[in-house]
Full PDB file with SEQRES, HELIX, SHEET, SSBOND, CRYST1, ORIGX, SCALE, CONECT and MASTER records, all heavy atoms in Angstrom:
SEQRES   1 A   45  THR ILE LYS ILE SER SER ALA LEU GLY ALA GLU LEU ALA          
SEQRES   2 A   45  ALA ARG SER ALA LYS ALA HIS LEU SER LYS SER GLU LEU          
SEQRES   3 A   45  ALA ARG ARG ALA ILE ALA ALA TYR PHE ALA ALA SER GLY          
SEQRES   4 A   45  PRO SER ILE ASN HIS PRO                                      
HELIX    1 AA1 SER A    6  ALA A   19  1                                  14    
HELIX    2 AA2 LYS A   23  ALA A   37  1                                  15    
CRYST1    1.000    1.000    1.000  90.00  90.00  90.00 P 1           1          
ORIGX1      1.000000  0.000000  0.000000        0.00000                         
ORIGX2      0.000000  1.000000  0.000000        0.00000                         
ORIGX3      0.000000  0.000000  1.000000        0.00000                         
SCALE1      1.000000  0.000000  0.000000        0.00000                         
SCALE2      0.000000  1.000000  0.000000        0.00000                         
SCALE3      0.000000  0.000000  1.000000        0.00000                         
ATOM      1  N   THR A   1     116.832 100.140 124.591  1.00  0.00           N  
ATOM      2  CA  THR A   1     117.821 100.642 123.644  1.00  0.00           C  
ATOM      3  C   THR A   1     117.407 100.183 122.260  1.00  0.00           C  
ATOM      4  O   THR A   1     117.151  99.001 122.049  1.00  0.00           O  
ATOM      5  CB  THR A   1     119.229 100.089 123.973  1.00  0.00           C  
ATOM      6  OG1 THR A   1     119.552 100.452 125.318  1.00  0.00           O  
ATOM      7  CG2 THR A   1     120.274 100.646 123.032  1.00  0.00           C  
ATOM      8  N   ILE A   2     117.335 101.122 121.328  1.00  0.00           N  
ATOM      9  CA  ILE A   2     116.948 100.790 119.956  1.00  0.00           C  
ATOM     10  C   ILE A   2     117.935 101.409 118.980  1.00  0.00           C  
ATOM     11  O   ILE A   2     118.640 102.358 119.310  1.00  0.00           O  
ATOM     12  CB  ILE A   2     115.512 101.267 119.621  1.00  0.00           C  
ATOM     13  CG1 ILE A   2     115.399 102.784 119.734  1.00  0.00           C  
ATOM     14  CG2 ILE A   2     114.501 100.589 120.505  1.00  0.00           C  
ATOM     15  CD1 ILE A   2     114.102 103.350 119.196  1.00  0.00           C  
ATOM     16  N   LYS A   3     117.988 100.846 117.794  1.00  0.00           N  
ATOM     17  CA  LYS A   3     118.793 101.412 116.716  1.00  0.00           C  
ATOM     18  C   LYS A   3     117.837 102.032 115.707  1.00  0.00           C  
ATOM     19  O   LYS A   3     116.850 101.413 115.315  1.00  0.00           O  
ATOM     20  CB  LYS A   3     119.637 100.333 116.043  1.00  0.00           C  
ATOM     21  CG  LYS A   3     120.711  99.777 116.953  1.00  0.00           C  
ATOM     22  CD  LYS A   3     121.564  98.761 116.237  1.00  0.00           C  
ATOM     23  CE  LYS A   3     122.619  98.219 117.186  1.00  0.00           C  
ATOM     24  NZ  LYS A   3     123.542  97.314 116.526  1.00  0.00           N  
ATOM     25  N   ILE A   4     118.127 103.271 115.336  1.00  0.00           N  
ATOM     26  CA  ILE A   4     117.308 103.960 114.346  1.00  0.00           C  
ATOM     27  C   ILE A   4     118.222 104.534 113.272  1.00  0.00           C  
ATOM     28  O   ILE A   4     119.426 104.713 113.485  1.00  0.00           O  
ATOM     29  CB  ILE A   4     116.441 105.077 114.987  1.00  0.00           C  
ATOM     30  CG1 ILE A   4     117.306 106.092 115.730  1.00  0.00           C  
ATOM     31  CG2 ILE A   4     115.404 104.480 115.925  1.00  0.00           C  
ATOM     32  CD1 ILE A   4     116.531 107.276 116.287  1.00  0.00           C  
ATOM     33  N   SER A   5     117.642 104.823 112.131  1.00  0.00           N  
ATOM     34  CA  SER A   5     118.429 105.393 111.033  1.00  0.00           C  
ATOM     35  C   SER A   5     118.876 106.806 111.391  1.00  0.00           C  
ATOM     36  O   SER A   5     118.316 107.460 112.274  1.00  0.00           O  
ATOM     37  CB  SER A   5     117.591 105.429 109.751  1.00  0.00           C  
ATOM     38  OG  SER A   5     116.531 106.358 109.897  1.00  0.00           O  
ATOM     39  N   SER A   6     119.881 107.289 110.698  1.00  0.00           N  
ATOM     40  CA  SER A   6     120.379 108.647 110.923  1.00  0.00           C  
ATOM     41  C   SER A   6     119.282 109.673 110.658  1.00  0.00           C  
ATOM     42  O   SER A   6     119.147 110.659 111.391  1.00  0.00           O  
ATOM     43  CB  SER A   6     121.584 108.934 110.021  1.00  0.00           C  
ATOM     44  OG  SER A   6     122.639 108.065 110.339  1.00  0.00           O  
ATOM     45  N   ALA A   7     118.500 109.442 109.610  1.00  0.00           N  
ATOM     46  CA  ALA A   7     117.428 110.375 109.271  1.00  0.00           C  
ATOM     47  C   ALA A   7     116.373 110.420 110.379  1.00  0.00           C  
ATOM     48  O   ALA A   7     115.909 111.496 110.765  1.00  0.00           O  
ATOM     49  CB  ALA A   7     116.786 109.977 107.947  1.00  0.00           C  
ATOM     50  N   LEU A   8     116.008 109.248 110.912  1.00  0.00           N  
ATOM     51  CA  LEU A   8     115.024 109.209 111.991  1.00  0.00           C  
ATOM     52  C   LEU A   8     115.591 109.844 113.263  1.00  0.00           C  
ATOM     53  O   LEU A   8     114.892 110.559 113.985  1.00  0.00           O  
ATOM     54  CB  LEU A   8     114.583 107.771 112.255  1.00  0.00           C  
ATOM     55  CG  LEU A   8     113.412 107.568 113.197  1.00  0.00           C  
ATOM     56  CD1 LEU A   8     112.176 108.339 112.755  1.00  0.00           C  
ATOM     57  CD2 LEU A   8     113.090 106.091 113.319  1.00  0.00           C  
ATOM     58  N   GLY A   9     116.863 109.632 113.513  1.00  0.00           N  
ATOM     59  CA  GLY A   9     117.529 110.252 114.665  1.00  0.00           C  
ATOM     60  C   GLY A   9     117.535 111.766 114.554  1.00  0.00           C  
ATOM     61  O   GLY A   9     117.297 112.467 115.546  1.00  0.00           O  
ATOM     62  N   ALA A  10     117.795 112.278 113.376  1.00  0.00           N  
ATOM     63  CA  ALA A  10     117.793 113.723 113.164  1.00  0.00           C  
ATOM     64  C   ALA A  10     116.391 114.288 113.344  1.00  0.00           C  
ATOM     65  O   ALA A  10     116.202 115.353 113.950  1.00  0.00           O  
ATOM     66  CB  ALA A  10     118.329 114.045 111.775  1.00  0.00           C  
ATOM     67  N   GLU A  11     115.391 113.579 112.816  1.00  0.00           N  
ATOM     68  CA  GLU A  11     113.998 114.011 112.974  1.00  0.00           C  
ATOM     69  C   GLU A  11     113.597 114.005 114.448  1.00  0.00           C  
ATOM     70  O   GLU A  11     112.945 114.930 114.931  1.00  0.00           O  
ATOM     71  CB  GLU A  11     113.079 113.096 112.171  1.00  0.00           C  
ATOM     72  CG  GLU A  11     111.630 113.482 112.189  1.00  0.00           C  
ATOM     73  CD  GLU A  11     111.280 114.674 111.310  1.00  0.00           C  
ATOM     74  OE1 GLU A  11     112.092 115.037 110.441  1.00  0.00           O  
ATOM     75  OE2 GLU A  11     110.188 115.231 111.501  1.00  0.00           O  
ATOM     76  N   LEU A  12     113.993 112.973 115.163  1.00  0.00           N  
ATOM     77  CA  LEU A  12     113.697 112.881 116.587  1.00  0.00           C  
ATOM     78  C   LEU A  12     114.351 114.027 117.346  1.00  0.00           C  
ATOM     79  O   LEU A  12     113.712 114.664 118.193  1.00  0.00           O  
ATOM     80  CB  LEU A  12     114.169 111.528 117.138  1.00  0.00           C  
ATOM     81  CG  LEU A  12     113.958 111.267 118.630  1.00  0.00           C  
ATOM     82  CD1 LEU A  12     112.472 111.302 118.982  1.00  0.00           C  
ATOM     83  CD2 LEU A  12     114.568 109.931 119.017  1.00  0.00           C  
ATOM     84  N   ALA A  13     115.592 114.320 117.051  1.00  0.00           N  
ATOM     85  CA  ALA A  13     116.305 115.408 117.726  1.00  0.00           C  
ATOM     86  C   ALA A  13     115.644 116.754 117.434  1.00  0.00           C  
ATOM     87  O   ALA A  13     115.452 117.579 118.343  1.00  0.00           O  
ATOM     88  CB  ALA A  13     117.762 115.419 117.297  1.00  0.00           C  
ATOM     89  N   ALA A  14     115.287 116.987 116.184  1.00  0.00           N  
ATOM     90  CA  ALA A  14     114.675 118.259 115.803  1.00  0.00           C  
ATOM     91  C   ALA A  14     113.312 118.432 116.470  1.00  0.00           C  
ATOM     92  O   ALA A  14     113.000 119.498 117.010  1.00  0.00           O  
ATOM     93  CB  ALA A  14     114.542 118.339 114.287  1.00  0.00           C  
ATOM     94  N   ARG A  15     112.498 117.382 116.426  1.00  0.00           N  
ATOM     95  CA  ARG A  15     111.154 117.496 117.010  1.00  0.00           C  
ATOM     96  C   ARG A  15     111.197 117.585 118.530  1.00  0.00           C  
ATOM     97  O   ARG A  15     110.377 118.274 119.138  1.00  0.00           O  
ATOM     98  CB  ARG A  15     110.280 116.331 116.575  1.00  0.00           C  
ATOM     99  CG  ARG A  15     109.879 116.450 115.114  1.00  0.00           C  
ATOM    100  CD  ARG A  15     108.954 115.327 114.726  1.00  0.00           C  
ATOM    101  NE  ARG A  15     108.605 115.402 113.322  1.00  0.00           N  
ATOM    102  CZ  ARG A  15     107.365 115.462 112.874  1.00  0.00           C  
ATOM    103  NH1 ARG A  15     106.346 115.446 113.720  1.00  0.00           N  
ATOM    104  NH2 ARG A  15     107.124 115.523 111.587  1.00  0.00           N  
ATOM    105  N   SER A  16     112.132 116.887 119.152  1.00  0.00           N  
ATOM    106  CA  SER A  16     112.228 116.975 120.611  1.00  0.00           C  
ATOM    107  C   SER A  16     112.691 118.369 121.035  1.00  0.00           C  
ATOM    108  O   SER A  16     112.192 118.910 122.027  1.00  0.00           O  
ATOM    109  CB  SER A  16     113.154 115.901 121.172  1.00  0.00           C  
ATOM    110  OG  SER A  16     114.487 116.117 120.774  1.00  0.00           O  
ATOM    111  N   ALA A  17     113.602 118.966 120.284  1.00  0.00           N  
ATOM    112  CA  ALA A  17     114.046 120.324 120.594  1.00  0.00           C  
ATOM    113  C   ALA A  17     112.900 121.316 120.407  1.00  0.00           C  
ATOM    114  O   ALA A  17     112.699 122.213 121.240  1.00  0.00           O  
ATOM    115  CB  ALA A  17     115.226 120.705 119.708  1.00  0.00           C  
ATOM    116  N   LYS A  18     112.148 121.162 119.338  1.00  0.00           N  
ATOM    117  CA  LYS A  18     111.024 122.064 119.059  1.00  0.00           C  
ATOM    118  C   LYS A  18     109.954 121.963 120.148  1.00  0.00           C  
ATOM    119  O   LYS A  18     109.350 122.964 120.540  1.00  0.00           O  
ATOM    120  CB  LYS A  18     110.418 121.748 117.700  1.00  0.00           C  
ATOM    121  CG  LYS A  18     109.319 122.691 117.286  1.00  0.00           C  
ATOM    122  CD  LYS A  18     108.824 122.380 115.887  1.00  0.00           C  
ATOM    123  CE  LYS A  18     107.709 123.353 115.515  1.00  0.00           C  
ATOM    124  NZ  LYS A  18     107.215 123.114 114.167  1.00  0.00           N  
ATOM    125  N   ALA A  19     109.710 120.757 120.644  1.00  0.00           N  
ATOM    126  CA  ALA A  19     108.677 120.536 121.658  1.00  0.00           C  
ATOM    127  C   ALA A  19     109.199 120.742 123.084  1.00  0.00           C  
ATOM    128  O   ALA A  19     108.431 120.641 124.037  1.00  0.00           O  
ATOM    129  CB  ALA A  19     108.110 119.122 121.525  1.00  0.00           C  
ATOM    130  N   HIS A  20     110.505 121.009 123.221  1.00  0.00           N  
ATOM    131  CA  HIS A  20     111.147 121.166 124.531  1.00  0.00           C  
ATOM    132  C   HIS A  20     110.958 119.912 125.377  1.00  0.00           C  
ATOM    133  O   HIS A  20     110.626 119.977 126.557  1.00  0.00           O  
ATOM    134  CB  HIS A  20     110.624 122.406 125.269  1.00  0.00           C  
ATOM    135  CG  HIS A  20     110.800 123.669 124.505  1.00  0.00           C  
ATOM    136  ND1 HIS A  20     112.045 124.253 124.322  1.00  0.00           N  
ATOM    137  CD2 HIS A  20     109.911 124.448 123.848  1.00  0.00           C  
ATOM    138  CE1 HIS A  20     111.899 125.350 123.599  1.00  0.00           C  
ATOM    139  NE2 HIS A  20     110.611 125.485 123.290  1.00  0.00           N  
ATOM    140  N   LEU A  21     111.141 118.766 124.751  1.00  0.00           N  
ATOM    141  CA  LEU A  21     111.058 117.472 125.420  1.00  0.00           C  
ATOM    142  C   LEU A  21     112.345 116.705 125.166  1.00  0.00           C  
ATOM    143  O   LEU A  21     112.997 116.906 124.142  1.00  0.00           O  
ATOM    144  CB  LEU A  21     109.885 116.649 124.867  1.00  0.00           C  
ATOM    145  CG  LEU A  21     108.478 117.196 125.059  1.00  0.00           C  
ATOM    146  CD1 LEU A  21     107.485 116.388 124.238  1.00  0.00           C  
ATOM    147  CD2 LEU A  21     108.094 117.179 126.525  1.00  0.00           C  
ATOM    148  N   SER A  22     112.666 115.809 126.059  1.00  0.00           N  
ATOM    149  CA  SER A  22     113.811 114.934 125.796  1.00  0.00           C  
ATOM    150  C   SER A  22     113.438 113.961 124.681  1.00  0.00           C  
ATOM    151  O   SER A  22     112.253 113.709 124.425  1.00  0.00           O  
ATOM    152  CB  SER A  22     114.199 114.164 127.061  1.00  0.00           C  
ATOM    153  OG  SER A  22     113.199 113.225 127.396  1.00  0.00           O  
ATOM    154  N   LYS A  23     114.446 113.420 124.040  1.00  0.00           N  
ATOM    155  CA  LYS A  23     114.175 112.424 122.998  1.00  0.00           C  
ATOM    156  C   LYS A  23     113.472 111.206 123.600  1.00  0.00           C  
ATOM    157  O   LYS A  23     112.574 110.638 122.982  1.00  0.00           O  
ATOM    158  CB  LYS A  23     115.477 112.018 122.294  1.00  0.00           C  
ATOM    159  CG  LYS A  23     116.059 113.127 121.443  1.00  0.00           C  
ATOM    160  CD  LYS A  23     117.245 112.666 120.628  1.00  0.00           C  
ATOM    161  CE  LYS A  23     118.486 112.598 121.460  1.00  0.00           C  
ATOM    162  NZ  LYS A  23     119.698 112.259 120.684  1.00  0.00           N  
ATOM    163  N   SER A  24     113.841 110.845 124.816  1.00  0.00           N  
ATOM    164  CA  SER A  24     113.196 109.710 125.480  1.00  0.00           C  
ATOM    165  C   SER A  24     111.715 109.971 125.722  1.00  0.00           C  
ATOM    166  O   SER A  24     110.873 109.097 125.493  1.00  0.00           O  
ATOM    167  CB  SER A  24     113.879 109.410 126.811  1.00  0.00           C  
ATOM    168  OG  SER A  24     115.181 108.932 126.601  1.00  0.00           O  
ATOM    169  N   GLU A  25     111.390 111.176 126.198  1.00  0.00           N  
ATOM    170  CA  GLU A  25     109.990 111.499 126.466  1.00  0.00           C  
ATOM    171  C   GLU A  25     109.183 111.517 125.174  1.00  0.00           C  
ATOM    172  O   GLU A  25     108.055 111.019 125.132  1.00  0.00           O  
ATOM    173  CB  GLU A  25     109.872 112.851 127.180  1.00  0.00           C  
ATOM    174  CG  GLU A  25     108.445 113.278 127.460  1.00  0.00           C  
ATOM    175  CD  GLU A  25     107.661 112.331 128.355  1.00  0.00           C  
ATOM    176  OE1 GLU A  25     108.262 111.537 129.105  1.00  0.00           O  
ATOM    177  OE2 GLU A  25     106.417 112.367 128.295  1.00  0.00           O  
ATOM    178  N   LEU A  26     109.757 112.069 124.121  1.00  0.00           N  
ATOM    179  CA  LEU A  26     109.060 112.093 122.835  1.00  0.00           C  
ATOM    180  C   LEU A  26     108.836 110.669 122.316  1.00  0.00           C  
ATOM    181  O   LEU A  26     107.756 110.342 121.826  1.00  0.00           O  
ATOM    182  CB  LEU A  26     109.834 112.920 121.819  1.00  0.00           C  
ATOM    183  CG  LEU A  26     109.133 113.207 120.507  1.00  0.00           C  
ATOM    184  CD1 LEU A  26     107.839 113.960 120.720  1.00  0.00           C  
ATOM    185  CD2 LEU A  26     110.046 114.005 119.585  1.00  0.00           C  
ATOM    186  N   ALA A  27     109.828 109.809 122.465  1.00  0.00           N  
ATOM    187  CA  ALA A  27     109.697 108.417 122.037  1.00  0.00           C  
ATOM    188  C   ALA A  27     108.638 107.697 122.870  1.00  0.00           C  
ATOM    189  O   ALA A  27     107.821 106.939 122.335  1.00  0.00           O  
ATOM    190  CB  ALA A  27     111.038 107.699 122.142  1.00  0.00           C  
ATOM    191  N   ARG A  28     108.611 107.946 124.200  1.00  0.00           N  
ATOM    192  CA  ARG A  28     107.584 107.333 125.060  1.00  0.00           C  
ATOM    193  C   ARG A  28     106.189 107.751 124.616  1.00  0.00           C  
ATOM    194  O   ARG A  28     105.274 106.935 124.525  1.00  0.00           O  
ATOM    195  CB  ARG A  28     107.798 107.727 126.524  1.00  0.00           C  
ATOM    196  CG  ARG A  28     108.855 106.925 127.243  1.00  0.00           C  
ATOM    197  CD  ARG A  28     108.840 107.190 128.737  1.00  0.00           C  
ATOM    198  NE  ARG A  28     109.255 108.544 129.077  1.00  0.00           N  
ATOM    199  CZ  ARG A  28     110.522 108.902 129.286  1.00  0.00           C  
ATOM    200  NH1 ARG A  28     111.492 108.022 129.178  1.00  0.00           N  
ATOM    201  NH2 ARG A  28     110.805 110.145 129.606  1.00  0.00           N  
ATOM    202  N   ARG A  29     106.024 109.037 124.329  1.00  0.00           N  
ATOM    203  CA  ARG A  29     104.721 109.535 123.896  1.00  0.00           C  
ATOM    204  C   ARG A  29     104.319 108.951 122.545  1.00  0.00           C  
ATOM    205  O   ARG A  29     103.142 108.635 122.326  1.00  0.00           O  
ATOM    206  CB  ARG A  29     104.725 111.059 123.830  1.00  0.00           C  
ATOM    207  CG  ARG A  29     104.803 111.708 125.197  1.00  0.00           C  
ATOM    208  CD  ARG A  29     104.746 113.209 125.106  1.00  0.00           C  
ATOM    209  NE  ARG A  29     104.878 113.812 126.418  1.00  0.00           N  
ATOM    210  CZ  ARG A  29     104.685 115.102 126.656  1.00  0.00           C  
ATOM    211  NH1 ARG A  29     104.356 115.928 125.673  1.00  0.00           N  
ATOM    212  NH2 ARG A  29     104.829 115.586 127.870  1.00  0.00           N  
ATOM    213  N   ALA A  30     105.275 108.806 121.650  1.00  0.00           N  
ATOM    214  CA  ALA A  30     104.974 108.243 120.335  1.00  0.00           C  
ATOM    215  C   ALA A  30     104.557 106.778 120.454  1.00  0.00           C  
ATOM    216  O   ALA A  30     103.604 106.338 119.804  1.00  0.00           O  
ATOM    217  CB  ALA A  30     106.184 108.383 119.412  1.00  0.00           C  
ATOM    218  N   ILE A  31     105.232 106.029 121.304  1.00  0.00           N  
ATOM    219  CA  ILE A  31     104.886 104.622 121.510  1.00  0.00           C  
ATOM    220  C   ILE A  31     103.509 104.516 122.154  1.00  0.00           C  
ATOM    221  O   ILE A  31     102.673 103.701 121.744  1.00  0.00           O  
ATOM    222  CB  ILE A  31     105.960 103.907 122.356  1.00  0.00           C  
ATOM    223  CG1 ILE A  31     107.266 103.806 121.557  1.00  0.00           C  
ATOM    224  CG2 ILE A  31     105.488 102.534 122.795  1.00  0.00           C  
ATOM    225  CD1 ILE A  31     108.461 103.371 122.382  1.00  0.00           C  
ATOM    226  N   ALA A  32     103.237 105.356 123.162  1.00  0.00           N  
ATOM    227  CA  ALA A  32     101.931 105.339 123.824  1.00  0.00           C  
ATOM    228  C   ALA A  32     100.814 105.688 122.838  1.00  0.00           C  
ATOM    229  O   ALA A  32      99.750 105.065 122.853  1.00  0.00           O  
ATOM    230  CB  ALA A  32     101.931 106.305 125.004  1.00  0.00           C  
ATOM    231  N   ALA A  33     101.049 106.676 121.977  1.00  0.00           N  
ATOM    232  CA  ALA A  33     100.046 107.068 120.978  1.00  0.00           C  
ATOM    233  C   ALA A  33      99.811 105.936 119.984  1.00  0.00           C  
ATOM    234  O   ALA A  33      98.666 105.672 119.591  1.00  0.00           O  
ATOM    235  CB  ALA A  33     100.493 108.328 120.251  1.00  0.00           C  
ATOM    236  N   TYR A  34     100.859 105.246 119.594  1.00  0.00           N  
ATOM    237  CA  TYR A  34     100.727 104.110 118.679  1.00  0.00           C  
ATOM    238  C   TYR A  34      99.881 103.010 119.313  1.00  0.00           C  
ATOM    239  O   TYR A  34      98.979 102.467 118.686  1.00  0.00           O  
ATOM    240  CB  TYR A  34     102.107 103.577 118.305  1.00  0.00           C  
ATOM    241  CG  TYR A  34     102.044 102.311 117.490  1.00  0.00           C  
ATOM    242  CD1 TYR A  34     101.788 102.356 116.124  1.00  0.00           C  
ATOM    243  CD2 TYR A  34     102.230 101.067 118.089  1.00  0.00           C  
ATOM    244  CE1 TYR A  34     101.714 101.196 115.376  1.00  0.00           C  
ATOM    245  CE2 TYR A  34     102.160  99.903 117.350  1.00  0.00           C  
ATOM    246  CZ  TYR A  34     101.897  99.971 115.994  1.00  0.00           C  
ATOM    247  OH  TYR A  34     101.813  98.814 115.254  1.00  0.00           O  
ATOM    248  N   PHE A  35     100.165 102.696 120.562  1.00  0.00           N  
ATOM    249  CA  PHE A  35      99.402 101.658 121.251  1.00  0.00           C  
ATOM    250  C   PHE A  35      97.948 102.066 121.426  1.00  0.00           C  
ATOM    251  O   PHE A  35      97.037 101.243 121.287  1.00  0.00           O  
ATOM    252  CB  PHE A  35     100.020 101.331 122.603  1.00  0.00           C  
ATOM    253  CG  PHE A  35     101.323 100.565 122.519  1.00  0.00           C  
ATOM    254  CD1 PHE A  35     102.191 100.555 123.584  1.00  0.00           C  
ATOM    255  CD2 PHE A  35     101.673  99.855 121.387  1.00  0.00           C  
ATOM    256  CE1 PHE A  35     103.381  99.843 123.540  1.00  0.00           C  
ATOM    257  CE2 PHE A  35     102.863  99.144 121.314  1.00  0.00           C  
ATOM    258  CZ  PHE A  35     103.720  99.143 122.399  1.00  0.00           C  
ATOM    259  N   ALA A  36      97.711 103.325 121.773  1.00  0.00           N  
ATOM    260  CA  ALA A  36      96.335 103.802 121.966  1.00  0.00           C  
ATOM    261  C   ALA A  36      95.547 103.716 120.663  1.00  0.00           C  
ATOM    262  O   ALA A  36      94.361 103.386 120.668  1.00  0.00           O  
ATOM    263  CB  ALA A  36      96.348 105.239 122.481  1.00  0.00           C  
ATOM    264  N   ALA A  37      96.199 103.990 119.544  1.00  0.00           N  
ATOM    265  CA  ALA A  37      95.517 103.963 118.248  1.00  0.00           C  
ATOM    266  C   ALA A  37      95.293 102.540 117.743  1.00  0.00           C  
ATOM    267  O   ALA A  37      94.418 102.310 116.913  1.00  0.00           O  
ATOM    268  CB  ALA A  37      96.319 104.755 117.228  1.00  0.00           C  
ATOM    269  N   SER A  38      96.064 101.586 118.254  1.00  0.00           N  
ATOM    270  CA  SER A  38      95.962 100.222 117.731  1.00  0.00           C  
ATOM    271  C   SER A  38      94.964  99.348 118.483  1.00  0.00           C  
ATOM    272  O   SER A  38      94.871  98.160 118.218  1.00  0.00           O  
ATOM    273  CB  SER A  38      97.334  99.554 117.724  1.00  0.00           C  
ATOM    274  OG  SER A  38      97.814  99.382 119.040  1.00  0.00           O  
ATOM    275  N   GLY A  39      94.236  99.909 119.434  1.00  0.00           N  
ATOM    276  CA  GLY A  39      93.193  99.150 120.114  1.00  0.00           C  
ATOM    277  C   GLY A  39      93.554  98.782 121.527  1.00  0.00           C  
ATOM    278  O   GLY A  39      94.566  99.218 122.064  1.00  0.00           O  
ATOM    279  N   PRO A  40      92.715  97.964 122.157  1.00  0.00           N  
ATOM    280  CA  PRO A  40      92.916  97.604 123.555  1.00  0.00           C  
ATOM    281  C   PRO A  40      94.221  96.845 123.776  1.00  0.00           C  
ATOM    282  O   PRO A  40      94.701  96.135 122.895  1.00  0.00           O  
ATOM    283  CB  PRO A  40      91.730  96.698 123.884  1.00  0.00           C  
ATOM    284  CG  PRO A  40      90.804  96.757 122.732  1.00  0.00           C  
ATOM    285  CD  PRO A  40      91.536  97.367 121.583  1.00  0.00           C  
ATOM    286  N   SER A  41      94.763  97.016 124.945  1.00  0.00           N  
ATOM    287  CA  SER A  41      96.006  96.352 125.309  1.00  0.00           C  
ATOM    288  C   SER A  41      95.807  94.844 125.376  1.00  0.00           C  
ATOM    289  O   SER A  41      94.779  94.363 125.827  1.00  0.00           O  
ATOM    290  CB  SER A  41      96.487  96.851 126.667  1.00  0.00           C  
ATOM    291  OG  SER A  41      97.595  96.110 127.107  1.00  0.00           O  
ATOM    292  N   ILE A  42      96.797  94.109 124.949  1.00  0.00           N  
ATOM    293  CA  ILE A  42      96.723  92.648 125.018  1.00  0.00           C  
ATOM    294  C   ILE A  42      96.931  92.154 126.448  1.00  0.00           C  
ATOM    295  O   ILE A  42      96.649  91.017 126.756  1.00  0.00           O  
ATOM    296  CB  ILE A  42      97.744  91.980 124.076  1.00  0.00           C  
ATOM    297  CG1 ILE A  42      99.164  92.424 124.410  1.00  0.00           C  
ATOM    298  CG2 ILE A  42      97.410  92.281 122.638  1.00  0.00           C  
ATOM    299  CD1 ILE A  42     100.236  91.704 123.643  1.00  0.00           C  
ATOM    300  N   ASN A  43      97.415  93.033 127.334  1.00  0.00           N  
ATOM    301  CA  ASN A  43      97.679  92.634 128.715  1.00  0.00           C  
ATOM    302  C   ASN A  43      96.486  92.836 129.635  1.00  0.00           C  
ATOM    303  O   ASN A  43      96.548  92.507 130.794  1.00  0.00           O  
ATOM    304  CB  ASN A  43      98.873  93.419 129.265  1.00  0.00           C  
ATOM    305  CG  ASN A  43     100.151  93.086 128.543  1.00  0.00           C  
ATOM    306  OD1 ASN A  43     100.327  91.968 128.101  1.00  0.00           O  
ATOM    307  ND2 ASN A  43     101.025  94.043 128.395  1.00  0.00           N  
ATOM    308  N   HIS A  44      95.413  93.424 129.128  1.00  0.00           N  
ATOM    309  CA  HIS A  44      94.252  93.684 129.959  1.00  0.00           C  
ATOM    310  C   HIS A  44      93.049  92.953 129.370  1.00  0.00           C  
ATOM    311  O   HIS A  44      92.410  93.435 128.455  1.00  0.00           O  
ATOM    312  CB  HIS A  44      93.982  95.188 130.036  1.00  0.00           C  
ATOM    313  CG  HIS A  44      95.093  95.934 130.693  1.00  0.00           C  
ATOM    314  ND1 HIS A  44      96.122  96.516 129.983  1.00  0.00           N  
ATOM    315  CD2 HIS A  44      95.357  96.167 131.991  1.00  0.00           C  
ATOM    316  CE1 HIS A  44      96.950  97.088 130.814  1.00  0.00           C  
ATOM    317  NE2 HIS A  44      96.515  96.895 132.036  1.00  0.00           N  
ATOM    318  N   PRO A  45      92.753  91.780 129.906  1.00  0.00           N  
ATOM    319  CA  PRO A  45      91.608  91.024 129.379  1.00  0.00           C  
ATOM    320  C   PRO A  45      90.294  91.730 129.704  1.00  0.00           C  
ATOM    321  O   PRO A  45      90.212  92.489 130.666  1.00  0.00           O  
ATOM    322  CB  PRO A  45      91.708  89.684 130.101  1.00  0.00           C  
ATOM    323  CG  PRO A  45      92.476  89.966 131.337  1.00  0.00           C  
ATOM    324  CD  PRO A  45      93.417  91.098 131.011  1.00  0.00           C  
TER     325      PRO A  45                                                      
MASTER        0    0    0    2    0    0    0    6  324    1    0    4          
END                                                                             
């Protein structure tokens, strides 16, 4: 559970509707993309 600004919430709702994805799925994909771009996982030596 996270708190986001109203503007970010509106953007999330609009983009999830456009992509035909739930807001949760879009958030999961965004987090995964962020982690992939930031380098190797700290949990995998």
